[in-house]
Amino acid sequence: MPRITFIDHIGTERVVDALVGWTVRDAAVHNDVPGIVSECGGVCACATCHVYVERDWFQKLTPMSESEKALLEFASEPRPNSRLSCQIDVTQDLDGLIIRTPEHQG
């Protein structure tokens, strides 16, 4: 089972187990990780599951869709390593993934 580390804006780490086939958003929600609001329920219709992917991991993810790119324009403080966690599928290759959550969503 892949493990994902979520680090909030003040540096608190939470390591969670994620099921292959879930999204990073699912792993956060099922493990009560603060900082992931996910108002749309994970259907890529808002930007409230915005996260920062550690740079070493960013290139291992599937490329962003045009919909995700468009929604990230509405995210709070987007960065080059921003992604929507609902669009990152958990695979065994992502064991050890490090995700940072922004101070604010929306």
PDB file of N, CA and C in Angstrom:
ATOM      1  N   MET A   1       0.854  -1.173   0.000  1.00  0.00           N
ATOM      2  CA  MET A   1       0.000   0.000   0.000  1.00  0.00           C
ATOM      3  C   MET A   1       0.905   1.242   0.000  1.00  0.00           C
ATOM      4  N   PRO A   2       0.731   2.127  -0.977  1.00  0.00           N
ATOM      5  CA  PRO A   2       1.552   3.339  -1.021  1.00  0.00           C
ATOM      6  C   PRO A   2       1.293   4.241   0.182  1.00  0.00           C
ATOM      7  N   ARG A   3       2.348   4.881   0.626  1.00  0.00           N
ATOM      8  CA  ARG A   3       2.248   5.852   1.721  1.00  0.00           C
ATOM      9  C   ARG A   3       2.505   7.235   1.142  1.00  0.00           C
ATOM     10  N   ILE A   4       1.688   8.189   1.568  1.00  0.00           N
ATOM     11  CA  ILE A   4       1.809   9.570   1.117  1.00  0.00           C
ATOM     12  C   ILE A   4       2.013  10.442   2.337  1.00  0.00           C
ATOM     13  N   THR A   5       2.956  11.361   2.243  1.00  0.00           N
ATOM     14  CA  THR A   5       3.196  12.321   3.314  1.00  0.00           C
ATOM     15  C   THR A   5       2.591  13.657   2.915  1.00  0.00           C
ATOM     16  N   PHE A   6       1.693  14.156   3.735  1.00  0.00           N
ATOM     17  CA  PHE A   6       1.096  15.477   3.559  1.00  0.00           C
ATOM     18  C   PHE A   6       1.754  16.405   4.571  1.00  0.00           C
ATOM     19  N   ILE A   7       2.208  17.545   4.099  1.00  0.00           N
ATOM     20  CA  ILE A   7       2.835  18.536   4.976  1.00  0.00           C
ATOM     21  C   ILE A   7       2.037  19.824   4.850  1.00  0.00           C
ATOM     22  N   ASP A   8       1.512  20.319   5.972  1.00  0.00           N
ATOM     23  CA  ASP A   8       0.721  21.547   5.905  1.00  0.00           C
ATOM     24  C   ASP A   8       1.615  22.778   5.866  1.00  0.00           C
ATOM     25  N   HIS A   9       1.004  23.943   5.762  1.00  0.00           N
ATOM     26  CA  HIS A   9       1.749  25.192   5.572  1.00  0.00           C
ATOM     27  C   HIS A   9       2.637  25.566   6.761  1.00  0.00           C
ATOM     28  N   ILE A  10       2.404  24.960   7.928  1.00  0.00           N
ATOM     29  CA  ILE A  10       3.284  25.250   9.071  1.00  0.00           C
ATOM     30  C   ILE A  10       4.288  24.125   9.333  1.00  0.00           C
ATOM     31  N   GLY A  11       4.280  23.105   8.472  1.00  0.00           N
ATOM     32  CA  GLY A  11       5.277  22.052   8.567  1.00  0.00           C
ATOM     33  C   GLY A  11       4.856  20.772   9.258  1.00  0.00           C
ATOM     34  N   THR A  12       3.590  20.679   9.677  1.00  0.00           N
ATOM     35  CA  THR A  12       3.115  19.455  10.322  1.00  0.00           C
ATOM     36  C   THR A  12       2.960  18.354   9.270  1.00  0.00           C
ATOM     37  N   GLU A  13       3.580  17.212   9.532  1.00  0.00           N
ATOM     38  CA  GLU A  13       3.521  16.083   8.607  1.00  0.00           C
ATOM     39  C   GLU A  13       2.494  15.055   9.043  1.00  0.00           C
ATOM     40  N   ARG A  14       1.798  14.507   8.064  1.00  0.00           N
ATOM     41  CA  ARG A  14       0.870  13.402   8.295  1.00  0.00           C
ATOM     42  C   ARG A  14       1.140  12.358   7.219  1.00  0.00           C
ATOM     43  N   VAL A  15       1.495  11.170   7.634  1.00  0.00           N
ATOM     44  CA  VAL A  15       1.747  10.082   6.696  1.00  0.00           C
ATOM     45  C   VAL A  15       0.520   9.190   6.684  1.00  0.00           C
ATOM     46  N   VAL A  16      -0.013   8.930   5.485  1.00  0.00           N
ATOM     47  CA  VAL A  16      -1.231   8.132   5.369  1.00  0.00           C
ATOM     48  C   VAL A  16      -1.014   6.997   4.377  1.00  0.00           C
ATOM     49  N   ASP A  17      -1.758   5.932   4.572  1.00  0.00           N
ATOM     50  CA  ASP A  17      -1.793   4.834   3.614  1.00  0.00           C
ATOM     51  C   ASP A  17      -2.857   5.155   2.577  1.00  0.00           C
ATOM     52  N   ALA A  18      -2.538   4.878   1.325  1.00  0.00           N
ATOM     53  CA  ALA A  18      -3.476   5.149   0.239  1.00  0.00           C
ATOM     54  C   ALA A  18      -3.670   3.878  -0.579  1.00  0.00           C
ATOM     55  N   LEU A  19      -4.876   3.657  -0.998  1.00  0.00           N
ATOM     56  CA  LEU A  19      -5.159   2.497  -1.832  1.00  0.00           C
ATOM     57  C   LEU A  19      -4.822   2.802  -3.284  1.00  0.00           C
ATOM     58  N   VAL A  20      -4.196   1.841  -3.956  1.00  0.00           N
ATOM     59  CA  VAL A  20      -3.979   1.972  -5.391  1.00  0.00           C
ATOM     60  C   VAL A  20      -5.354   2.087  -6.043  1.00  0.00           C
ATOM     61  N   GLY A  21      -5.504   3.065  -6.921  1.00  0.00           N
ATOM     62  CA  GLY A  21      -6.793   3.321  -7.564  1.00  0.00           C
ATOM     63  C   GLY A  21      -7.496   4.542  -6.993  1.00  0.00           C
ATOM     64  N   TRP A  22      -7.156   4.909  -5.777  1.00  0.00           N
ATOM     65  CA  TRP A  22      -7.645   6.168  -5.214  1.00  0.00           C
ATOM     66  C   TRP A  22      -6.930   7.317  -5.904  1.00  0.00           C
ATOM     67  N   THR A  23      -7.373   8.526  -5.603  1.00  0.00           N
ATOM     68  CA  THR A  23      -6.614   9.718  -5.946  1.00  0.00           C
ATOM     69  C   THR A  23      -5.958  10.223  -4.669  1.00  0.00           C
ATOM     70  N   VAL A  24      -5.012  11.130  -4.827  1.00  0.00           N
ATOM     71  CA  VAL A  24      -4.390  11.736  -3.647  1.00  0.00           C
ATOM     72  C   VAL A  24      -5.447  12.437  -2.817  1.00  0.00           C
ATOM     73  N   ARG A  25      -6.418  13.043  -3.458  1.00  0.00           N
ATOM     74  CA  ARG A  25      -7.538  13.684  -2.757  1.00  0.00           C
ATOM     75  C   ARG A  25      -8.300  12.659  -1.916  1.00  0.00           C
ATOM     76  N   ASP A  26      -8.579  11.499  -2.484  1.00  0.00           N
ATOM     77  CA  ASP A  26      -9.276  10.443  -1.738  1.00  0.00           C
ATOM     78  C   ASP A  26      -8.488  10.046  -0.493  1.00  0.00           C
ATOM     79  N   ALA A  27      -7.184   9.882  -0.657  1.00  0.00           N
ATOM     80  CA  ALA A  27      -6.339   9.508   0.484  1.00  0.00           C
ATOM     81  C   ALA A  27      -6.410  10.566   1.577  1.00  0.00           C
ATOM     82  N   ALA A  28      -6.411  11.839   1.176  1.00  0.00           N
ATOM     83  CA  ALA A  28      -6.493  12.927   2.155  1.00  0.00           C
ATOM     84  C   ALA A  28      -7.838  12.922   2.870  1.00  0.00           C
ATOM     85  N   VAL A  29      -8.905  12.809   2.120  1.00  0.00           N
ATOM     86  CA  VAL A  29     -10.252  12.863   2.701  1.00  0.00           C
ATOM     87  C   VAL A  29     -10.501  11.656   3.611  1.00  0.00           C
ATOM     88  N   HIS A  30     -10.125  10.471   3.173  1.00  0.00           N
ATOM     89  CA  HIS A  30     -10.358   9.263   3.973  1.00  0.00           C
ATOM     90  C   HIS A  30      -9.515   9.225   5.246  1.00  0.00           C
ATOM     91  N   ASN A  31      -8.460  10.023   5.267  1.00  0.00           N
ATOM     92  CA  ASN A  31      -7.584  10.055   6.443  1.00  0.00           C
ATOM     93  C   ASN A  31      -7.664  11.381   7.193  1.00  0.00           C
ATOM     94  N   ASP A  32      -8.704  12.166   6.903  1.00  0.00           N
ATOM     95  CA  ASP A  32      -8.957  13.431   7.607  1.00  0.00           C
ATOM     96  C   ASP A  32      -7.758  14.378   7.604  1.00  0.00           C
ATOM     97  N   VAL A  33      -7.085  14.467   6.463  1.00  0.00           N
ATOM     98  CA  VAL A  33      -5.953  15.392   6.333  1.00  0.00           C
ATOM     99  C   VAL A  33      -6.508  16.806   6.195  1.00  0.00           C
ATOM    100  N   PRO A  34      -6.136  17.711   7.085  1.00  0.00           N
ATOM    101  CA  PRO A  34      -6.617  19.081   6.959  1.00  0.00           C
ATOM    102  C   PRO A  34      -5.958  19.775   5.760  1.00  0.00           C
ATOM    103  N   GLY A  35      -6.664  20.756   5.217  1.00  0.00           N
ATOM    104  CA  GLY A  35      -6.115  21.535   4.114  1.00  0.00           C
ATOM    105  C   GLY A  35      -6.627  21.124   2.755  1.00  0.00           C
ATOM    106  N   ILE A  36      -7.348  20.021   2.673  1.00  0.00           N
ATOM    107  CA  ILE A  36      -7.966  19.583   1.424  1.00  0.00           C
ATOM    108  C   ILE A  36      -9.469  19.739   1.609  1.00  0.00           C
ATOM    109  N   VAL A  37     -10.043  20.768   0.987  1.00  0.00           N
ATOM    110  CA  VAL A  37     -11.467  21.061   1.163  1.00  0.00           C
ATOM    111  C   VAL A  37     -12.314  20.202   0.236  1.00  0.00           C
ATOM    112  N   SER A  38     -11.961  20.154  -1.039  1.00  0.00           N
ATOM    113  CA  SER A  38     -12.628  19.317  -2.038  1.00  0.00           C
ATOM    114  C   SER A  38     -14.130  19.560  -2.110  1.00  0.00           C
ATOM    115  N   GLU A  39     -14.507  20.801  -2.358  1.00  0.00           N
ATOM    116  CA  GLU A  39     -15.929  21.162  -2.423  1.00  0.00           C
ATOM    117  C   GLU A  39     -16.698  20.393  -3.486  1.00  0.00           C
ATOM    118  N   CYS A  40     -16.060  20.035  -4.596  1.00  0.00           N
ATOM    119  CA  CYS A  40     -16.769  19.363  -5.688  1.00  0.00           C
ATOM    120  C   CYS A  40     -16.789  17.848  -5.523  1.00  0.00           C
ATOM    121  N   GLY A  41     -16.145  17.346  -4.489  1.00  0.00           N
ATOM    122  CA  GLY A  41     -16.153  15.908  -4.259  1.00  0.00           C
ATOM    123  C   GLY A  41     -15.158  15.138  -5.105  1.00  0.00           C
ATOM    124  N   GLY A  42     -14.249  15.843  -5.748  1.00  0.00           N
ATOM    125  CA  GLY A  42     -13.199  15.161  -6.496  1.00  0.00           C
ATOM    126  C   GLY A  42     -13.469  14.958  -7.966  1.00  0.00           C
ATOM    127  N   VAL A  43     -14.313  15.800  -8.555  1.00  0.00           N
ATOM    128  CA  VAL A  43     -14.658  15.634  -9.976  1.00  0.00           C
ATOM    129  C   VAL A  43     -14.028  16.703 -10.869  1.00  0.00           C
ATOM    130  N   CYS A  44     -12.999  17.360 -10.387  1.00  0.00           N
ATOM    131  CA  CYS A  44     -12.264  18.374 -11.156  1.00  0.00           C
ATOM    132  C   CYS A  44     -13.179  19.499 -11.615  1.00  0.00           C
ATOM    133  N   ALA A  45     -13.943  20.028 -10.649  1.00  0.00           N
ATOM    134  CA  ALA A  45     -14.857  21.129 -10.960  1.00  0.00           C
ATOM    135  C   ALA A  45     -14.608  22.346 -10.075  1.00  0.00           C
ATOM    136  N   CYS A  46     -13.588  22.291  -9.238  1.00  0.00           N
ATOM    137  CA  CYS A  46     -13.222  23.427  -8.395  1.00  0.00           C
ATOM    138  C   CYS A  46     -11.709  23.366  -8.199  1.00  0.00           C
ATOM    139  N   ALA A  47     -11.174  24.193  -7.377  1.00  0.00           N
ATOM    140  CA  ALA A  47      -9.729  24.156  -7.127  1.00  0.00           C
ATOM    141  C   ALA A  47      -9.446  24.052  -5.629  1.00  0.00           C
ATOM    142  N   THR A  48     -10.363  23.430  -4.885  1.00  0.00           N
ATOM    143  CA  THR A  48     -10.212  23.387  -3.435  1.00  0.00           C
ATOM    144  C   THR A  48      -9.512  22.123  -2.924  1.00  0.00           C
ATOM    145  N   CYS A  49      -8.892  21.399  -3.837  1.00  0.00           N
ATOM    146  CA  CYS A  49      -8.029  20.278  -3.434  1.00  0.00           C
ATOM    147  C   CYS A  49      -6.611  20.527  -3.957  1.00  0.00           C
ATOM    148  N   HIS A  50      -6.309  21.791  -4.164  1.00  0.00           N
ATOM    149  CA  HIS A  50      -5.006  22.231  -4.666  1.00  0.00           C
ATOM    150  C   HIS A  50      -3.894  21.810  -3.714  1.00  0.00           C
ATOM    151  N   VAL A  51      -2.822  21.287  -4.287  1.00  0.00           N
ATOM    152  CA  VAL A  51      -1.652  20.892  -3.501  1.00  0.00           C
ATOM    153  C   VAL A  51      -0.382  21.263  -4.254  1.00  0.00           C
ATOM    154  N   TYR A  52       0.722  21.227  -3.531  1.00  0.00           N
ATOM    155  CA  TYR A  52       2.045  21.388  -4.124  1.00  0.00           C
ATOM    156  C   TYR A  52       2.741  20.035  -4.057  1.00  0.00           C
ATOM    157  N   VAL A  53       3.196  19.556  -5.195  1.00  0.00           N
ATOM    158  CA  VAL A  53       3.891  18.276  -5.265  1.00  0.00           C
ATOM    159  C   VAL A  53       5.388  18.548  -5.171  1.00  0.00           C
ATOM    160  N   GLU A  54       6.073  17.839  -4.274  1.00  0.00           N
ATOM    161  CA  GLU A  54       7.520  17.996  -4.174  1.00  0.00           C
ATOM    162  C   GLU A  54       8.132  17.780  -5.555  1.00  0.00           C
ATOM    163  N   ARG A  55       9.077  18.631  -5.901  1.00  0.00           N
ATOM    164  CA  ARG A  55       9.641  18.653  -7.255  1.00  0.00           C
ATOM    165  C   ARG A  55      10.178  17.305  -7.727  1.00  0.00           C
ATOM    166  N   ASP A  56      10.790  16.527  -6.848  1.00  0.00           N
ATOM    167  CA  ASP A  56      11.308  15.219  -7.268  1.00  0.00           C
ATOM    168  C   ASP A  56      10.201  14.274  -7.714  1.00  0.00           C
ATOM    169  N   TRP A  57       9.006  14.508  -7.255  1.00  0.00           N
ATOM    170  CA  TRP A  57       7.865  13.660  -7.587  1.00  0.00           C
ATOM    171  C   TRP A  57       7.053  14.193  -8.759  1.00  0.00           C
ATOM    172  N   PHE A  58       7.141  15.473  -9.016  1.00  0.00           N
ATOM    173  CA  PHE A  58       6.268  16.121  -9.994  1.00  0.00           C
ATOM    174  C   PHE A  58       6.356  15.453 -11.371  1.00  0.00           C
ATOM    175  N   GLN A  59       7.551  15.126 -11.814  1.00  0.00           N
ATOM    176  CA  GLN A  59       7.732  14.528 -13.141  1.00  0.00           C
ATOM    177  C   GLN A  59       7.242  13.086 -13.221  1.00  0.00           C
ATOM    178  N   LYS A  60       6.971  12.454 -12.083  1.00  0.00           N
ATOM    179  CA  LYS A  60       6.494  11.077 -12.069  1.00  0.00           C
ATOM    180  C   LYS A  60       4.985  10.983 -12.244  1.00  0.00           C
ATOM    181  N   LEU A  61       4.308  12.123 -12.204  1.00  0.00           N
ATOM    182  CA  LEU A  61       2.850  12.143 -12.323  1.00  0.00           C
ATOM    183  C   LEU A  61       2.423  12.192 -13.780  1.00  0.00           C
ATOM    184  N   THR A  62       1.197  11.747 -14.028  1.00  0.00           N
ATOM    185  CA  THR A  62       0.657  11.895 -15.380  1.00  0.00           C
ATOM    186  C   THR A  62       0.500  13.385 -15.679  1.00  0.00           C
ATOM    187  N   PRO A  63       0.655  13.772 -16.933  1.00  0.00           N
ATOM    188  CA  PRO A  63       0.530  15.192 -17.279  1.00  0.00           C
ATOM    189  C   PRO A  63      -0.854  15.741 -16.950  1.00  0.00           C
ATOM    190  N   MET A  64      -0.906  17.051 -16.733  1.00  0.00           N
ATOM    191  CA  MET A  64      -2.172  17.727 -16.438  1.00  0.00           C
ATOM    192  C   MET A  64      -3.060  17.799 -17.667  1.00  0.00           C
ATOM    193  N   SER A  65      -4.346  17.655 -17.429  1.00  0.00           N
ATOM    194  CA  SER A  65      -5.318  17.877 -18.498  1.00  0.00           C
ATOM    195  C   SER A  65      -5.533  19.381 -18.661  1.00  0.00           C
ATOM    196  N   GLU A  66      -6.139  19.769 -19.744  1.00  0.00           N
ATOM    197  CA  GLU A  66      -6.456  21.181 -19.960  1.00  0.00           C
ATOM    198  C   GLU A  66      -7.439  21.687 -18.902  1.00  0.00           C
ATOM    199  N   SER A  67      -8.371  20.838 -18.477  1.00  0.00           N
ATOM    200  CA  SER A  67      -9.332  21.222 -17.433  1.00  0.00           C
ATOM    201  C   SER A  67      -8.617  21.532 -16.121  1.00  0.00           C
ATOM    202  N   GLU A  68      -7.673  20.685 -15.760  1.00  0.00           N
ATOM    203  CA  GLU A  68      -6.925  20.916 -14.519  1.00  0.00           C
ATOM    204  C   GLU A  68      -6.118  22.210 -14.615  1.00  0.00           C
ATOM    205  N   LYS A  69      -5.463  22.422 -15.743  1.00  0.00           N
ATOM    206  CA  LYS A  69      -4.688  23.650 -15.930  1.00  0.00           C
ATOM    207  C   LYS A  69      -5.575  24.879 -15.769  1.00  0.00           C
ATOM    208  N   ALA A  70      -6.766  24.828 -16.360  1.00  0.00           N
ATOM    209  CA  ALA A  70      -7.688  25.965 -16.278  1.00  0.00           C
ATOM    210  C   ALA A  70      -8.139  26.212 -14.843  1.00  0.00           C
ATOM    211  N   LEU A  71      -8.444  25.157 -14.105  1.00  0.00           N
ATOM    212  CA  LEU A  71      -8.905  25.312 -12.722  1.00  0.00           C
ATOM    213  C   LEU A  71      -7.801  25.817 -11.803  1.00  0.00           C
ATOM    214  N   LEU A  72      -6.567  25.446 -12.085  1.00  0.00           N
ATOM    215  CA  LEU A  72      -5.465  25.906 -11.242  1.00  0.00           C
ATOM    216  C   LEU A  72      -5.291  27.420 -11.297  1.00  0.00           C
ATOM    217  N   GLU A  73      -5.825  28.051 -12.335  1.00  0.00           N
ATOM    218  CA  GLU A  73      -5.784  29.509 -12.411  1.00  0.00           C
ATOM    219  C   GLU A  73      -6.602  30.145 -11.287  1.00  0.00           C
ATOM    220  N   PHE A  74      -7.549  29.400 -10.727  1.00  0.00           N
ATOM    221  CA  PHE A  74      -8.399  29.894  -9.651  1.00  0.00           C
ATOM    222  C   PHE A  74      -7.892  29.473  -8.270  1.00  0.00           C
ATOM    223  N   ALA A  75      -6.828  28.698  -8.241  1.00  0.00           N
ATOM    224  CA  ALA A  75      -6.274  28.234  -6.965  1.00  0.00           C
ATOM    225  C   ALA A  75      -5.589  29.382  -6.246  1.00  0.00           C
ATOM    226  N   SER A  76      -5.578  29.284  -4.932  1.00  0.00           N
ATOM    227  CA  SER A  76      -4.879  30.257  -4.110  1.00  0.00           C
ATOM    228  C   SER A  76      -3.375  29.992  -4.203  1.00  0.00           C
ATOM    229  N   GLU A  77      -2.629  30.991  -4.623  1.00  0.00           N
ATOM    230  CA  GLU A  77      -1.176  30.923  -4.705  1.00  0.00           C
ATOM    231  C   GLU A  77      -0.642  29.729  -5.500  1.00  0.00           C
ATOM    232  N   PRO A  78      -1.026  29.604  -6.781  1.00  0.00           N
ATOM    233  CA  PRO A  78      -0.480  28.505  -7.582  1.00  0.00           C
ATOM    234  C   PRO A  78       1.023  28.683  -7.805  1.00  0.00           C
ATOM    235  N   ARG A  79       1.694  27.561  -7.955  1.00  0.00           N
ATOM    236  CA  ARG A  79       3.131  27.515  -8.194  1.00  0.00           C
ATOM    237  C   ARG A  79       3.394  26.561  -9.359  1.00  0.00           C
ATOM    238  N   PRO A  80       4.615  26.532  -9.866  1.00  0.00           N
ATOM    239  CA  PRO A  80       4.910  25.600 -10.959  1.00  0.00           C
ATOM    240  C   PRO A  80       4.673  24.131 -10.609  1.00  0.00           C
ATOM    241  N   ASN A  81       4.726  23.799  -9.320  1.00  0.00           N
ATOM    242  CA  ASN A  81       4.501  22.412  -8.897  1.00  0.00           C
ATOM    243  C   ASN A  81       3.096  22.191  -8.332  1.00  0.00           C
ATOM    244  N   SER A  82       2.156  23.066  -8.691  1.00  0.00           N
ATOM    245  CA  SER A  82       0.764  22.908  -8.244  1.00  0.00           C
ATOM    246  C   SER A  82       0.057  21.829  -9.046  1.00  0.00           C
ATOM    247  N   ARG A  83      -0.795  21.109  -8.352  1.00  0.00           N
ATOM    248  CA  ARG A  83      -1.694  20.138  -8.987  1.00  0.00           C
ATOM    249  C   ARG A  83      -2.987  20.118  -8.188  1.00  0.00           C
ATOM    250  N   LEU A  84      -4.024  19.579  -8.799  1.00  0.00           N
ATOM    251  CA  LEU A  84      -5.264  19.288  -8.085  1.00  0.00           C
ATOM    252  C   LEU A  84      -5.156  17.850  -7.621  1.00  0.00           C
ATOM    253  N   SER A  85      -5.305  17.631  -6.339  1.00  0.00           N
ATOM    254  CA  SER A  85      -5.094  16.285  -5.796  1.00  0.00           C
ATOM    255  C   SER A  85      -6.117  15.276  -6.316  1.00  0.00           C
ATOM    256  N   CYS A  86      -7.261  15.756  -6.795  1.00  0.00           N
ATOM    257  CA  CYS A  86      -8.258  14.843  -7.357  1.00  0.00           C
ATOM    258  C   CYS A  86      -7.825  14.295  -8.715  1.00  0.00           C
ATOM    259  N   GLN A  87      -6.777  14.859  -9.278  1.00  0.00           N
ATOM    260  CA  GLN A  87      -6.304  14.439 -10.591  1.00  0.00           C
ATOM    261  C   GLN A  87      -5.005  13.634 -10.533  1.00  0.00           C
ATOM    262  N   ILE A  88      -4.572  13.311  -9.332  1.00  0.00           N
ATOM    263  CA  ILE A  88      -3.364  12.499  -9.164  1.00  0.00           C
ATOM    264  C   ILE A  88      -3.790  11.111  -8.723  1.00  0.00           C
ATOM    265  N   ASP A  89      -3.684  10.145  -9.630  1.00  0.00           N
ATOM    266  CA  ASP A  89      -4.057   8.773  -9.321  1.00  0.00           C
ATOM    267  C   ASP A  89      -2.955   8.098  -8.514  1.00  0.00           C
ATOM    268  N   VAL A  90      -3.347   7.419  -7.459  1.00  0.00           N
ATOM    269  CA  VAL A  90      -2.393   6.696  -6.625  1.00  0.00           C
ATOM    270  C   VAL A  90      -2.023   5.388  -7.317  1.00  0.00           C
ATOM    271  N   THR A  91      -0.724   5.208  -7.498  1.00  0.00           N
ATOM    272  CA  THR A  91      -0.173   3.958  -8.013  1.00  0.00           C
ATOM    273  C   THR A  91       0.906   3.504  -7.037  1.00  0.00           C
ATOM    274  N   GLN A  92       1.326   2.261  -7.169  1.00  0.00           N
ATOM    275  CA  GLN A  92       2.387   1.765  -6.292  1.00  0.00           C
ATOM    276  C   GLN A  92       3.669   2.571  -6.490  1.00  0.00           C
ATOM    277  N   ASP A  93       3.873   3.104  -7.699  1.00  0.00           N
ATOM    278  CA  ASP A  93       5.067   3.916  -7.985  1.00  0.00           C
ATOM    279  C   ASP A  93       5.099   5.214  -7.185  1.00  0.00           C
ATOM    280  N   LEU A  94       3.973   5.622  -6.612  1.00  0.00           N
ATOM    281  CA  LEU A  94       3.926   6.861  -5.840  1.00  0.00           C
ATOM    282  C   LEU A  94       4.138   6.630  -4.344  1.00  0.00           C
ATOM    283  N   ASP A  95       4.561   5.426  -3.976  1.00  0.00           N
ATOM    284  CA  ASP A  95       4.867   5.155  -2.568  1.00  0.00           C
ATOM    285  C   ASP A  95       5.978   6.102  -2.123  1.00  0.00           C
ATOM    286  N   GLY A  96       5.703   6.895  -1.086  1.00  0.00           N
ATOM    287  CA  GLY A  96       6.655   7.878  -0.589  1.00  0.00           C
ATOM    288  C   GLY A  96       6.395   9.285  -1.089  1.00  0.00           C
ATOM    289  N   LEU A  97       5.362   9.469  -1.891  1.00  0.00           N
ATOM    290  CA  LEU A  97       5.011  10.787  -2.433  1.00  0.00           C
ATOM    291  C   LEU A  97       4.898  11.821  -1.324  1.00  0.00           C
ATOM    292  N   ILE A  98       5.424  13.011  -1.592  1.00  0.00           N
ATOM    293  CA  ILE A  98       5.345  14.105  -0.624  1.00  0.00           C
ATOM    294  C   ILE A  98       4.512  15.233  -1.219  1.00  0.00           C
ATOM    295  N   ILE A  99       3.473  15.606  -0.488  1.00  0.00           N
ATOM    296  CA  ILE A  99       2.514  16.629  -0.896  1.00  0.00           C
ATOM    297  C   ILE A  99       2.487  17.721   0.164  1.00  0.00           C
ATOM    298  N   ARG A 100       2.501  18.955  -0.270  1.00  0.00           N
ATOM    299  CA  ARG A 100       2.327  20.086   0.648  1.00  0.00           C
ATOM    300  C   ARG A 100       0.982  20.734   0.370  1.00  0.00           C
ATOM    301  N   THR A 101       0.298  21.118   1.437  1.00  0.00           N
ATOM    302  CA  THR A 101      -0.984  21.792   1.279  1.00  0.00           C
ATOM    303  C   THR A 101      -0.791  23.294   1.478  1.00  0.00           C
ATOM    304  N   PRO A 102      -1.508  24.092   0.693  1.00  0.00           N
ATOM    305  CA  PRO A 102      -1.382  25.554   0.835  1.00  0.00           C
ATOM    306  C   PRO A 102      -2.059  26.042   2.109  1.00  0.00           C
ATOM    307  N   GLU A 103      -1.740  27.260   2.470  1.00  0.00           N
ATOM    308  CA  GLU A 103      -2.360  27.845   3.660  1.00  0.00           C
ATOM    309  C   GLU A 103      -3.860  28.027   3.481  1.00  0.00           C
ATOM    310  N   HIS A 104      -4.277  28.373   2.263  1.00  0.00           N
ATOM    311  CA  HIS A 104      -5.693  28.599   1.959  1.00  0.00           C
ATOM    312  C   HIS A 104      -6.075  27.860   0.698  1.00  0.00           C
ATOM    313  N   GLN A 105      -7.315  27.447   0.611  1.00  0.00           N
ATOM    314  CA  GLN A 105      -7.876  26.840  -0.601  1.00  0.00           C
ATOM    315  C   GLN A 105      -8.866  27.811  -1.210  1.00  0.00           C
ATOM    316  N   GLY A 106      -9.038  27.692  -2.513  1.00  0.00           N
ATOM    317  CA  GLY A 106     -10.088  28.491  -3.164  1.00  0.00           C
ATOM    318  C   GLY A 106      -9.597  29.502  -4.128  1.00  0.00           C
TER     319      GLY A 106
END
